Amino acid sequence: MEKRKTTKKEKTALIYATEKAIKELIEAGERVDFQAVARKLGVARSTLYRNQTVYSIIAHARYNQHYAGDPIAHFQWEIEGLKERVQELEDRIGRLFDQK
């Protein structure tokens, strides 16, 4: 199965849509995280993780919304981010073994 390449226009559109989704989540008083943004955009979380710019935008917004100024909360945020990344890696590995 050949992986389809994402065009520059599609990447730009994803960045714009991500920023808009985050703004809407914040205005609605909802939590900003990868799952909420993915659900709002109708894409897989892995799509958000793969685009480094989008990943940074969401991570920054999540941090600012929940943990700014509290060092203990900052470390908890770091741990949650690591857990999400480990889960994503486990999902990828699982898909690799499912293909065989």
PDB file of N, CA and C in Angstrom:
ATOM      1  N   MET A   1       0.842  -1.169   0.000  1.00  0.00           N
ATOM      2  CA  MET A   1       0.000   0.000   0.000  1.00  0.00           C
ATOM      3  C   MET A   1       0.892   1.239   0.000  1.00  0.00           C
ATOM      4  N   GLU A   2       0.680   2.103  -0.966  1.00  0.00           N
ATOM      5  CA  GLU A   2       1.501   3.305  -1.090  1.00  0.00           C
ATOM      6  C   GLU A   2       0.902   4.430  -0.262  1.00  0.00           C
ATOM      7  N   LYS A   3       1.761   5.094   0.505  1.00  0.00           N
ATOM      8  CA  LYS A   3       1.313   6.192   1.343  1.00  0.00           C
ATOM      9  C   LYS A   3       1.168   7.452   0.492  1.00  0.00           C
ATOM     10  N   ARG A   4       0.027   8.117   0.597  1.00  0.00           N
ATOM     11  CA  ARG A   4      -0.240   9.324  -0.159  1.00  0.00           C
ATOM     12  C   ARG A   4       0.482  10.502   0.473  1.00  0.00           C
ATOM     13  N   LYS A   5       1.117  11.319  -0.342  1.00  0.00           N
ATOM     14  CA  LYS A   5       1.834  12.495   0.160  1.00  0.00           C
ATOM     15  C   LYS A   5       0.838  13.637   0.368  1.00  0.00           C
ATOM     16  N   THR A   6       1.074  14.394   1.421  1.00  0.00           N
ATOM     17  CA  THR A   6       0.242  15.549   1.714  1.00  0.00           C
ATOM     18  C   THR A   6       0.818  16.770   1.011  1.00  0.00           C
ATOM     19  N   THR A   7      -0.048  17.518   0.361  1.00  0.00           N
ATOM     20  CA  THR A   7       0.420  18.702  -0.356  1.00  0.00           C
ATOM     21  C   THR A   7       0.639  19.859   0.615  1.00  0.00           C
ATOM     22  N   LYS A   8       1.395  20.836   0.157  1.00  0.00           N
ATOM     23  CA  LYS A   8       1.653  22.024   0.979  1.00  0.00           C
ATOM     24  C   LYS A   8       0.337  22.742   1.294  1.00  0.00           C
ATOM     25  N   LYS A   9      -0.562  22.774   0.337  1.00  0.00           N
ATOM     26  CA  LYS A   9      -1.867  23.419   0.526  1.00  0.00           C
ATOM     27  C   LYS A   9      -2.667  22.695   1.618  1.00  0.00           C
ATOM     28  N   GLU A  10      -2.621  21.377   1.609  1.00  0.00           N
ATOM     29  CA  GLU A  10      -3.331  20.592   2.628  1.00  0.00           C
ATOM     30  C   GLU A  10      -2.720  20.815   4.017  1.00  0.00           C
ATOM     31  N   LYS A  11      -1.387  20.910   4.078  1.00  0.00           N
ATOM     32  CA  LYS A  11      -0.720  21.161   5.352  1.00  0.00           C
ATOM     33  C   LYS A  11      -1.114  22.528   5.905  1.00  0.00           C
ATOM     34  N   THR A  12      -1.144  23.534   5.034  1.00  0.00           N
ATOM     35  CA  THR A  12      -1.538  24.881   5.444  1.00  0.00           C
ATOM     36  C   THR A  12      -2.993  24.895   5.913  1.00  0.00           C
ATOM     37  N   ALA A  13      -3.837  24.185   5.205  1.00  0.00           N
ATOM     38  CA  ALA A  13      -5.254  24.115   5.584  1.00  0.00           C
ATOM     39  C   ALA A  13      -5.413  23.444   6.948  1.00  0.00           C
ATOM     40  N   LEU A  14      -4.624  22.413   7.211  1.00  0.00           N
ATOM     41  CA  LEU A  14      -4.690  21.724   8.501  1.00  0.00           C
ATOM     42  C   LEU A  14      -4.250  22.652   9.631  1.00  0.00           C
ATOM     43  N   ILE A  15      -3.218  23.431   9.397  1.00  0.00           N
ATOM     44  CA  ILE A  15      -2.744  24.375  10.412  1.00  0.00           C
ATOM     45  C   ILE A  15      -3.835  25.405  10.713  1.00  0.00           C
ATOM     46  N   TYR A  16      -4.425  25.966   9.680  1.00  0.00           N
ATOM     47  CA  TYR A  16      -5.488  26.959   9.850  1.00  0.00           C
ATOM     48  C   TYR A  16      -6.681  26.344  10.594  1.00  0.00           C
ATOM     49  N   ALA A  17      -7.099  25.155  10.169  1.00  0.00           N
ATOM     50  CA  ALA A  17      -8.244  24.492  10.800  1.00  0.00           C
ATOM     51  C   ALA A  17      -7.954  24.167  12.260  1.00  0.00           C
ATOM     52  N   THR A  18      -6.716  23.785  12.559  1.00  0.00           N
ATOM     53  CA  THR A  18      -6.326  23.472  13.943  1.00  0.00           C
ATOM     54  C   THR A  18      -6.428  24.714  14.812  1.00  0.00           C
ATOM     55  N   GLU A  19      -5.903  25.829  14.323  1.00  0.00           N
ATOM     56  CA  GLU A  19      -5.976  27.080  15.089  1.00  0.00           C
ATOM     57  C   GLU A  19      -7.426  27.484  15.337  1.00  0.00           C
ATOM     58  N   LYS A  20      -8.264  27.322  14.328  1.00  0.00           N
ATOM     59  CA  LYS A  20      -9.684  27.659  14.459  1.00  0.00           C
ATOM     60  C   LYS A  20     -10.371  26.735  15.469  1.00  0.00           C
ATOM     61  N   ALA A  21     -10.077  25.448  15.393  1.00  0.00           N
ATOM     62  CA  ALA A  21     -10.678  24.483  16.322  1.00  0.00           C
ATOM     63  C   ALA A  21     -10.270  24.787  17.763  1.00  0.00           C
ATOM     64  N   ILE A  22      -9.016  25.126  17.969  1.00  0.00           N
ATOM     65  CA  ILE A  22      -8.542  25.456  19.318  1.00  0.00           C
ATOM     66  C   ILE A  22      -9.278  26.682  19.840  1.00  0.00           C
ATOM     67  N   LYS A  23      -9.399  27.687  19.002  1.00  0.00           N
ATOM     68  CA  LYS A  23     -10.107  28.902  19.404  1.00  0.00           C
ATOM     69  C   LYS A  23     -11.546  28.573  19.801  1.00  0.00           C
ATOM     70  N   GLU A  24     -12.212  27.750  19.017  1.00  0.00           N
ATOM     71  CA  GLU A  24     -13.594  27.364  19.310  1.00  0.00           C
ATOM     72  C   GLU A  24     -13.692  26.568  20.605  1.00  0.00           C
ATOM     73  N   LEU A  25     -12.745  25.673  20.835  1.00  0.00           N
ATOM     74  CA  LEU A  25     -12.741  24.892  22.077  1.00  0.00           C
ATOM     75  C   LEU A  25     -12.579  25.805  23.277  1.00  0.00           C
ATOM     76  N   ILE A  26     -11.653  26.744  23.194  1.00  0.00           N
ATOM     77  CA  ILE A  26     -11.412  27.664  24.302  1.00  0.00           C
ATOM     78  C   ILE A  26     -12.645  28.526  24.552  1.00  0.00           C
ATOM     79  N   GLU A  27     -13.233  29.057  23.485  1.00  0.00           N
ATOM     80  CA  GLU A  27     -14.423  29.897  23.628  1.00  0.00           C
ATOM     81  C   GLU A  27     -15.592  29.129  24.229  1.00  0.00           C
ATOM     82  N   ALA A  28     -15.669  27.840  23.949  1.00  0.00           N
ATOM     83  CA  ALA A  28     -16.743  27.004  24.496  1.00  0.00           C
ATOM     84  C   ALA A  28     -16.429  26.515  25.907  1.00  0.00           C
ATOM     85  N   GLY A  29     -15.232  26.858  26.402  1.00  0.00           N
ATOM     86  CA  GLY A  29     -14.835  26.423  27.736  1.00  0.00           C
ATOM     87  C   GLY A  29     -14.457  24.957  27.804  1.00  0.00           C
ATOM     88  N   GLU A  30     -14.123  24.382  26.667  1.00  0.00           N
ATOM     89  CA  GLU A  30     -13.749  22.974  26.612  1.00  0.00           C
ATOM     90  C   GLU A  30     -12.239  22.817  26.724  1.00  0.00           C
ATOM     91  N   ARG A  31     -11.834  21.633  27.105  1.00  0.00           N
ATOM     92  CA  ARG A  31     -10.417  21.322  27.254  1.00  0.00           C
ATOM     93  C   ARG A  31      -9.750  21.176  25.891  1.00  0.00           C
ATOM     94  N   VAL A  32      -8.570  21.760  25.768  1.00  0.00           N
ATOM     95  CA  VAL A  32      -7.794  21.635  24.533  1.00  0.00           C
ATOM     96  C   VAL A  32      -6.824  20.475  24.707  1.00  0.00           C
ATOM     97  N   ASP A  33      -6.974  19.456  23.882  1.00  0.00           N
ATOM     98  CA  ASP A  33      -6.027  18.344  23.828  1.00  0.00           C
ATOM     99  C   ASP A  33      -6.115  17.722  22.435  1.00  0.00           C
ATOM    100  N   PHE A  34      -5.249  16.787  22.174  1.00  0.00           N
ATOM    101  CA  PHE A  34      -5.188  16.207  20.830  1.00  0.00           C
ATOM    102  C   PHE A  34      -6.485  15.503  20.454  1.00  0.00           C
ATOM    103  N   GLN A  35      -7.078  14.817  21.399  1.00  0.00           N
ATOM    104  CA  GLN A  35      -8.308  14.089  21.114  1.00  0.00           C
ATOM    105  C   GLN A  35      -9.446  15.053  20.770  1.00  0.00           C
ATOM    106  N   ALA A  36      -9.579  16.143  21.538  1.00  0.00           N
ATOM    107  CA  ALA A  36     -10.650  17.111  21.284  1.00  0.00           C
ATOM    108  C   ALA A  36     -10.470  17.791  19.931  1.00  0.00           C
ATOM    109  N   VAL A  37      -9.246  18.170  19.604  1.00  0.00           N
ATOM    110  CA  VAL A  37      -8.988  18.823  18.312  1.00  0.00           C
ATOM    111  C   VAL A  37      -9.242  17.834  17.167  1.00  0.00           C
ATOM    112  N   ALA A  38      -8.786  16.607  17.315  1.00  0.00           N
ATOM    113  CA  ALA A  38      -9.002  15.595  16.273  1.00  0.00           C
ATOM    114  C   ALA A  38     -10.497  15.366  16.049  1.00  0.00           C
ATOM    115  N   ARG A  39     -11.234  15.264  17.141  1.00  0.00           N
ATOM    116  CA  ARG A  39     -12.679  15.042  17.049  1.00  0.00           C
ATOM    117  C   ARG A  39     -13.345  16.228  16.338  1.00  0.00           C
ATOM    118  N   LYS A  40     -12.935  17.448  16.695  1.00  0.00           N
ATOM    119  CA  LYS A  40     -13.516  18.649  16.106  1.00  0.00           C
ATOM    120  C   LYS A  40     -13.210  18.733  14.608  1.00  0.00           C
ATOM    121  N   LEU A  41     -12.028  18.313  14.208  1.00  0.00           N
ATOM    122  CA  LEU A  41     -11.635  18.369  12.803  1.00  0.00           C
ATOM    123  C   LEU A  41     -12.074  17.142  12.004  1.00  0.00           C
ATOM    124  N   GLY A  42     -12.438  16.078  12.708  1.00  0.00           N
ATOM    125  CA  GLY A  42     -12.822  14.853  12.015  1.00  0.00           C
ATOM    126  C   GLY A  42     -11.643  14.112  11.416  1.00  0.00           C
ATOM    127  N   VAL A  43     -10.496  14.192  12.104  1.00  0.00           N
ATOM    128  CA  VAL A  43      -9.289  13.494  11.638  1.00  0.00           C
ATOM    129  C   VAL A  43      -8.768  12.604  12.759  1.00  0.00           C
ATOM    130  N   ALA A  44      -7.847  11.731  12.409  1.00  0.00           N
ATOM    131  CA  ALA A  44      -7.216  10.873  13.411  1.00  0.00           C
ATOM    132  C   ALA A  44      -6.187  11.686  14.198  1.00  0.00           C
ATOM    133  N   ARG A  45      -5.989  11.320  15.452  1.00  0.00           N
ATOM    134  CA  ARG A  45      -4.967  11.990  16.261  1.00  0.00           C
ATOM    135  C   ARG A  45      -3.602  11.876  15.601  1.00  0.00           C
ATOM    136  N   SER A  46      -3.342  10.758  14.969  1.00  0.00           N
ATOM    137  CA  SER A  46      -2.038  10.561  14.330  1.00  0.00           C
ATOM    138  C   SER A  46      -1.774  11.629  13.262  1.00  0.00           C
ATOM    139  N   THR A  47      -2.829  12.116  12.621  1.00  0.00           N
ATOM    140  CA  THR A  47      -2.677  13.189  11.639  1.00  0.00           C
ATOM    141  C   THR A  47      -2.117  14.433  12.312  1.00  0.00           C
ATOM    142  N   LEU A  48      -2.580  14.706  13.511  1.00  0.00           N
ATOM    143  CA  LEU A  48      -2.123  15.879  14.254  1.00  0.00           C
ATOM    144  C   LEU A  48      -0.698  15.691  14.758  1.00  0.00           C
ATOM    145  N   TYR A  49      -0.364  14.478  15.154  1.00  0.00           N
ATOM    146  CA  TYR A  49       0.982  14.195  15.651  1.00  0.00           C
ATOM    147  C   TYR A  49       2.023  14.262  14.528  1.00  0.00           C
ATOM    148  N   ARG A  50       1.647  13.845  13.333  1.00  0.00           N
ATOM    149  CA  ARG A  50       2.609  13.781  12.227  1.00  0.00           C
ATOM    150  C   ARG A  50       3.053  15.152  11.745  1.00  0.00           C
ATOM    151  N   ASN A  51       2.177  16.137  11.819  1.00  0.00           N
ATOM    152  CA  ASN A  51       2.522  17.478  11.368  1.00  0.00           C
ATOM    153  C   ASN A  51       3.141  18.231  12.547  1.00  0.00           C
ATOM    154  N   GLN A  52       4.433  18.468  12.490  1.00  0.00           N
ATOM    155  CA  GLN A  52       5.161  19.052  13.628  1.00  0.00           C
ATOM    156  C   GLN A  52       4.624  20.428  14.009  1.00  0.00           C
ATOM    157  N   THR A  53       4.225  21.228  13.030  1.00  0.00           N
ATOM    158  CA  THR A  53       3.672  22.550  13.331  1.00  0.00           C
ATOM    159  C   THR A  53       2.359  22.422  14.085  1.00  0.00           C
ATOM    160  N   VAL A  54       1.486  21.553  13.602  1.00  0.00           N
ATOM    161  CA  VAL A  54       0.199  21.327  14.258  1.00  0.00           C
ATOM    162  C   VAL A  54       0.421  20.775  15.665  1.00  0.00           C
ATOM    163  N   TYR A  55       1.339  19.835  15.790  1.00  0.00           N
ATOM    164  CA  TYR A  55       1.653  19.262  17.106  1.00  0.00           C
ATOM    165  C   TYR A  55       2.059  20.372  18.073  1.00  0.00           C
ATOM    166  N   SER A  56       2.928  21.261  17.636  1.00  0.00           N
ATOM    167  CA  SER A  56       3.409  22.346  18.491  1.00  0.00           C
ATOM    168  C   SER A  56       2.290  23.312  18.862  1.00  0.00           C
ATOM    169  N   ILE A  57       1.425  23.628  17.916  1.00  0.00           N
ATOM    170  CA  ILE A  57       0.313  24.543  18.181  1.00  0.00           C
ATOM    171  C   ILE A  57      -0.603  23.970  19.255  1.00  0.00           C
ATOM    172  N   ILE A  58      -0.950  22.704  19.122  1.00  0.00           N
ATOM    173  CA  ILE A  58      -1.853  22.076  20.090  1.00  0.00           C
ATOM    174  C   ILE A  58      -1.179  21.952  21.450  1.00  0.00           C
ATOM    175  N   ALA A  59       0.061  21.512  21.460  1.00  0.00           N
ATOM    176  CA  ALA A  59       0.782  21.360  22.728  1.00  0.00           C
ATOM    177  C   ALA A  59       0.898  22.697  23.448  1.00  0.00           C
ATOM    178  N   HIS A  60       1.195  23.745  22.719  1.00  0.00           N
ATOM    179  CA  HIS A  60       1.319  25.075  23.314  1.00  0.00           C
ATOM    180  C   HIS A  60      -0.024  25.557  23.871  1.00  0.00           C
ATOM    181  N   ALA A  61      -1.087  25.380  23.102  1.00  0.00           N
ATOM    182  CA  ALA A  61      -2.416  25.804  23.553  1.00  0.00           C
ATOM    183  C   ALA A  61      -2.851  25.013  24.781  1.00  0.00           C
ATOM    184  N   ARG A  62      -2.573  23.725  24.771  1.00  0.00           N
ATOM    185  CA  ARG A  62      -2.930  22.871  25.910  1.00  0.00           C
ATOM    186  C   ARG A  62      -2.173  23.320  27.155  1.00  0.00           C
ATOM    187  N   TYR A  63      -0.900  23.585  26.985  1.00  0.00           N
ATOM    188  CA  TYR A  63      -0.081  24.041  28.110  1.00  0.00           C
ATOM    189  C   TYR A  63      -0.606  25.369  28.651  1.00  0.00           C
ATOM    190  N   ASN A  64      -0.829  26.322  27.768  1.00  0.00           N
ATOM    191  CA  ASN A  64      -1.302  27.639  28.203  1.00  0.00           C
ATOM    192  C   ASN A  64      -2.657  27.569  28.891  1.00  0.00           C
ATOM    193  N   GLN A  65      -3.512  26.700  28.424  1.00  0.00           N
ATOM    194  CA  GLN A  65      -4.849  26.598  29.004  1.00  0.00           C
ATOM    195  C   GLN A  65      -4.822  26.002  30.405  1.00  0.00           C
ATOM    196  N   HIS A  66      -3.938  25.053  30.635  1.00  0.00           N
ATOM    197  CA  HIS A  66      -4.033  24.277  31.867  1.00  0.00           C
ATOM    198  C   HIS A  66      -2.902  24.443  32.864  1.00  0.00           C
ATOM    199  N   TYR A  67      -1.700  24.743  32.411  1.00  0.00           N
ATOM    200  CA  TYR A  67      -0.576  24.535  33.322  1.00  0.00           C
ATOM    201  C   TYR A  67       0.372  25.717  33.503  1.00  0.00           C
ATOM    202  N   ALA A  68       0.121  26.820  32.865  1.00  0.00           N
ATOM    203  CA  ALA A  68       1.051  27.944  32.942  1.00  0.00           C
ATOM    204  C   ALA A  68       1.231  28.420  34.378  1.00  0.00           C
ATOM    205  N   GLY A  69       2.486  28.602  34.769  1.00  0.00           N
ATOM    206  CA  GLY A  69       2.805  29.186  36.062  1.00  0.00           C
ATOM    207  C   GLY A  69       2.873  28.233  37.241  1.00  0.00           C
ATOM    208  N   ASP A  70       2.582  26.973  37.052  1.00  0.00           N
ATOM    209  CA  ASP A  70       2.591  26.012  38.159  1.00  0.00           C
ATOM    210  C   ASP A  70       3.604  24.912  37.827  1.00  0.00           C
ATOM    211  N   PRO A  71       4.775  24.901  38.508  1.00  0.00           N
ATOM    212  CA  PRO A  71       5.817  23.935  38.141  1.00  0.00           C
ATOM    213  C   PRO A  71       5.387  22.477  38.289  1.00  0.00           C
ATOM    214  N   ILE A  72       4.629  22.151  39.306  1.00  0.00           N
ATOM    215  CA  ILE A  72       4.179  20.760  39.485  1.00  0.00           C
ATOM    216  C   ILE A  72       3.232  20.385  38.347  1.00  0.00           C
ATOM    217  N   ALA A  73       2.313  21.278  38.038  1.00  0.00           N
ATOM    218  CA  ALA A  73       1.386  21.020  36.936  1.00  0.00           C
ATOM    219  C   ALA A  73       2.142  20.911  35.616  1.00  0.00           C
ATOM    220  N   HIS A  74       3.224  21.681  35.492  1.00  0.00           N
ATOM    221  CA  HIS A  74       4.034  21.606  34.276  1.00  0.00           C
ATOM    222  C   HIS A  74       4.596  20.198  34.097  1.00  0.00           C
ATOM    223  N   PHE A  75       5.125  19.619  35.162  1.00  0.00           N
ATOM    224  CA  PHE A  75       5.673  18.263  35.065  1.00  0.00           C
ATOM    225  C   PHE A  75       4.569  17.244  34.802  1.00  0.00           C
ATOM    226  N   GLN A  76       3.402  17.456  35.387  1.00  0.00           N
ATOM    227  CA  GLN A  76       2.283  16.561  35.109  1.00  0.00           C
ATOM    228  C   GLN A  76       1.896  16.648  33.632  1.00  0.00           C
ATOM    229  N   TRP A  77       1.940  17.861  33.091  1.00  0.00           N
ATOM    230  CA  TRP A  77       1.644  18.066  31.675  1.00  0.00           C
ATOM    231  C   TRP A  77       2.659  17.325  30.813  1.00  0.00           C
ATOM    232  N   GLU A  78       3.931  17.431  31.183  1.00  0.00           N
ATOM    233  CA  GLU A  78       4.986  16.726  30.447  1.00  0.00           C
ATOM    234  C   GLU A  78       4.734  15.224  30.462  1.00  0.00           C
ATOM    235  N   ILE A  79       4.363  14.697  31.610  1.00  0.00           N
ATOM    236  CA  ILE A  79       4.094  13.260  31.750  1.00  0.00           C
ATOM    237  C   ILE A  79       2.917  12.858  30.866  1.00  0.00           C
ATOM    238  N   GLU A  80       1.852  13.661  30.869  1.00  0.00           N
ATOM    239  CA  GLU A  80       0.694  13.354  30.023  1.00  0.00           C
ATOM    240  C   GLU A  80       1.071  13.347  28.544  1.00  0.00           C
ATOM    241  N   GLY A  81       1.897  14.317  28.143  1.00  0.00           N
ATOM    242  CA  GLY A  81       2.352  14.354  26.752  1.00  0.00           C
ATOM    243  C   GLY A  81       3.153  13.122  26.389  1.00  0.00           C
ATOM    244  N   LEU A  82       4.001  12.688  27.302  1.00  0.00           N
ATOM    245  CA  LEU A  82       4.794  11.480  27.065  1.00  0.00           C
ATOM    246  C   LEU A  82       3.896  10.250  26.990  1.00  0.00           C
ATOM    247  N   LYS A  83       2.887  10.188  27.850  1.00  0.00           N
ATOM    248  CA  LYS A  83       1.949   9.059  27.807  1.00  0.00           C
ATOM    249  C   LYS A  83       1.237   9.011  26.459  1.00  0.00           C
ATOM    250  N   GLU A  84       0.828  10.183  25.962  1.00  0.00           N
ATOM    251  CA  GLU A  84       0.152  10.223  24.665  1.00  0.00           C
ATOM    252  C   GLU A  84       1.071   9.765  23.543  1.00  0.00           C
ATOM    253  N   ARG A  85       2.325  10.186  23.612  1.00  0.00           N
ATOM    254  CA  ARG A  85       3.274   9.784  22.573  1.00  0.00           C
ATOM    255  C   ARG A  85       3.564   8.293  22.643  1.00  0.00           C
ATOM    256  N   VAL A  86       3.664   7.733  23.844  1.00  0.00           N
ATOM    257  CA  VAL A  86       3.874   6.293  23.999  1.00  0.00           C
ATOM    258  C   VAL A  86       2.668   5.549  23.442  1.00  0.00           C
ATOM    259  N   GLN A  87       1.466   6.043  23.736  1.00  0.00           N
ATOM    260  CA  GLN A  87       0.255   5.399  23.218  1.00  0.00           C
ATOM    261  C   GLN A  87       0.248   5.415  21.692  1.00  0.00           C
ATOM    262  N   GLU A  88       0.635   6.528  21.110  1.00  0.00           N
ATOM    263  CA  GLU A  88       0.698   6.633  19.650  1.00  0.00           C
ATOM    264  C   GLU A  88       1.699   5.629  19.080  1.00  0.00           C
ATOM    265  N   LEU A  89       2.854   5.496  19.724  1.00  0.00           N
ATOM    266  CA  LEU A  89       3.849   4.521  19.268  1.00  0.00           C
ATOM    267  C   LEU A  89       3.321   3.092  19.401  1.00  0.00           C
ATOM    268  N   GLU A  90       2.634   2.812  20.510  1.00  0.00           N
ATOM    269  CA  GLU A  90       2.045   1.482  20.689  1.00  0.00           C
ATOM    270  C   GLU A  90       1.018   1.206  19.600  1.00  0.00           C
ATOM    271  N   ASP A  91       0.216   2.220  19.259  1.00  0.00           N
ATOM    272  CA  ASP A  91      -0.777   2.057  18.195  1.00  0.00           C
ATOM    273  C   ASP A  91      -0.104   1.766  16.858  1.00  0.00           C
ATOM    274  N   ARG A  92       0.973   2.493  16.565  1.00  0.00           N
ATOM    275  CA  ARG A  92       1.702   2.263  15.312  1.00  0.00           C
ATOM    276  C   ARG A  92       2.279   0.857  15.259  1.00  0.00           C
ATOM    277  N   ILE A  93       2.881   0.427  16.353  1.00  0.00           N
ATOM    278  CA  ILE A  93       3.473  -0.908  16.408  1.00  0.00           C
ATOM    279  C   ILE A  93       2.386  -1.961  16.250  1.00  0.00           C
ATOM    280  N   GLY A  94       1.249  -1.741  16.908  1.00  0.00           N
ATOM    281  CA  GLY A  94       0.131  -2.672  16.782  1.00  0.00           C
ATOM    282  C   GLY A  94      -0.352  -2.793  15.349  1.00  0.00           C
ATOM    283  N   ARG A  95      -0.417  -1.650  14.644  1.00  0.00           N
ATOM    284  CA  ARG A  95      -0.849  -1.686  13.244  1.00  0.00           C
ATOM    285  C   ARG A  95       0.168  -2.421  12.382  1.00  0.00           C
ATOM    286  N   LEU A  96       1.457  -2.294  12.699  1.00  0.00           N
ATOM    287  CA  LEU A  96       2.484  -3.006  11.943  1.00  0.00           C
ATOM    288  C   LEU A  96       2.314  -4.508  12.079  1.00  0.00           C
ATOM    289  N   PHE A  97       2.051  -4.977  13.309  1.00  0.00           N
ATOM    290  CA  PHE A  97       1.882  -6.401  13.526  1.00  0.00           C
ATOM    291  C   PHE A  97       0.567  -6.907  12.946  1.00  0.00           C
ATOM    292  N   ASP A  98      -0.467  -6.052  12.902  1.00  0.00           N
ATOM    293  CA  ASP A  98      -1.738  -6.442  12.324  1.00  0.00           C
ATOM    294  C   ASP A  98      -1.641  -6.647  10.821  1.00  0.00           C
ATOM    295  N   GLN A  99      -0.683  -5.961  10.176  1.00  0.00           N
ATOM    296  CA  GLN A  99      -0.527  -6.057   8.724  1.00  0.00           C
ATOM    297  C   GLN A  99       0.116  -7.367   8.309  1.00  0.00           C
ATOM    298  N   LYS A 100       0.807  -8.009   9.235  1.00  0.00           N
ATOM    299  CA  LYS A 100       1.530  -9.248   8.890  1.00  0.00           C
ATOM    300  C   LYS A 100       0.654 -10.443   8.950  1.00  0.00           C
TER     301      LYS A 100
END
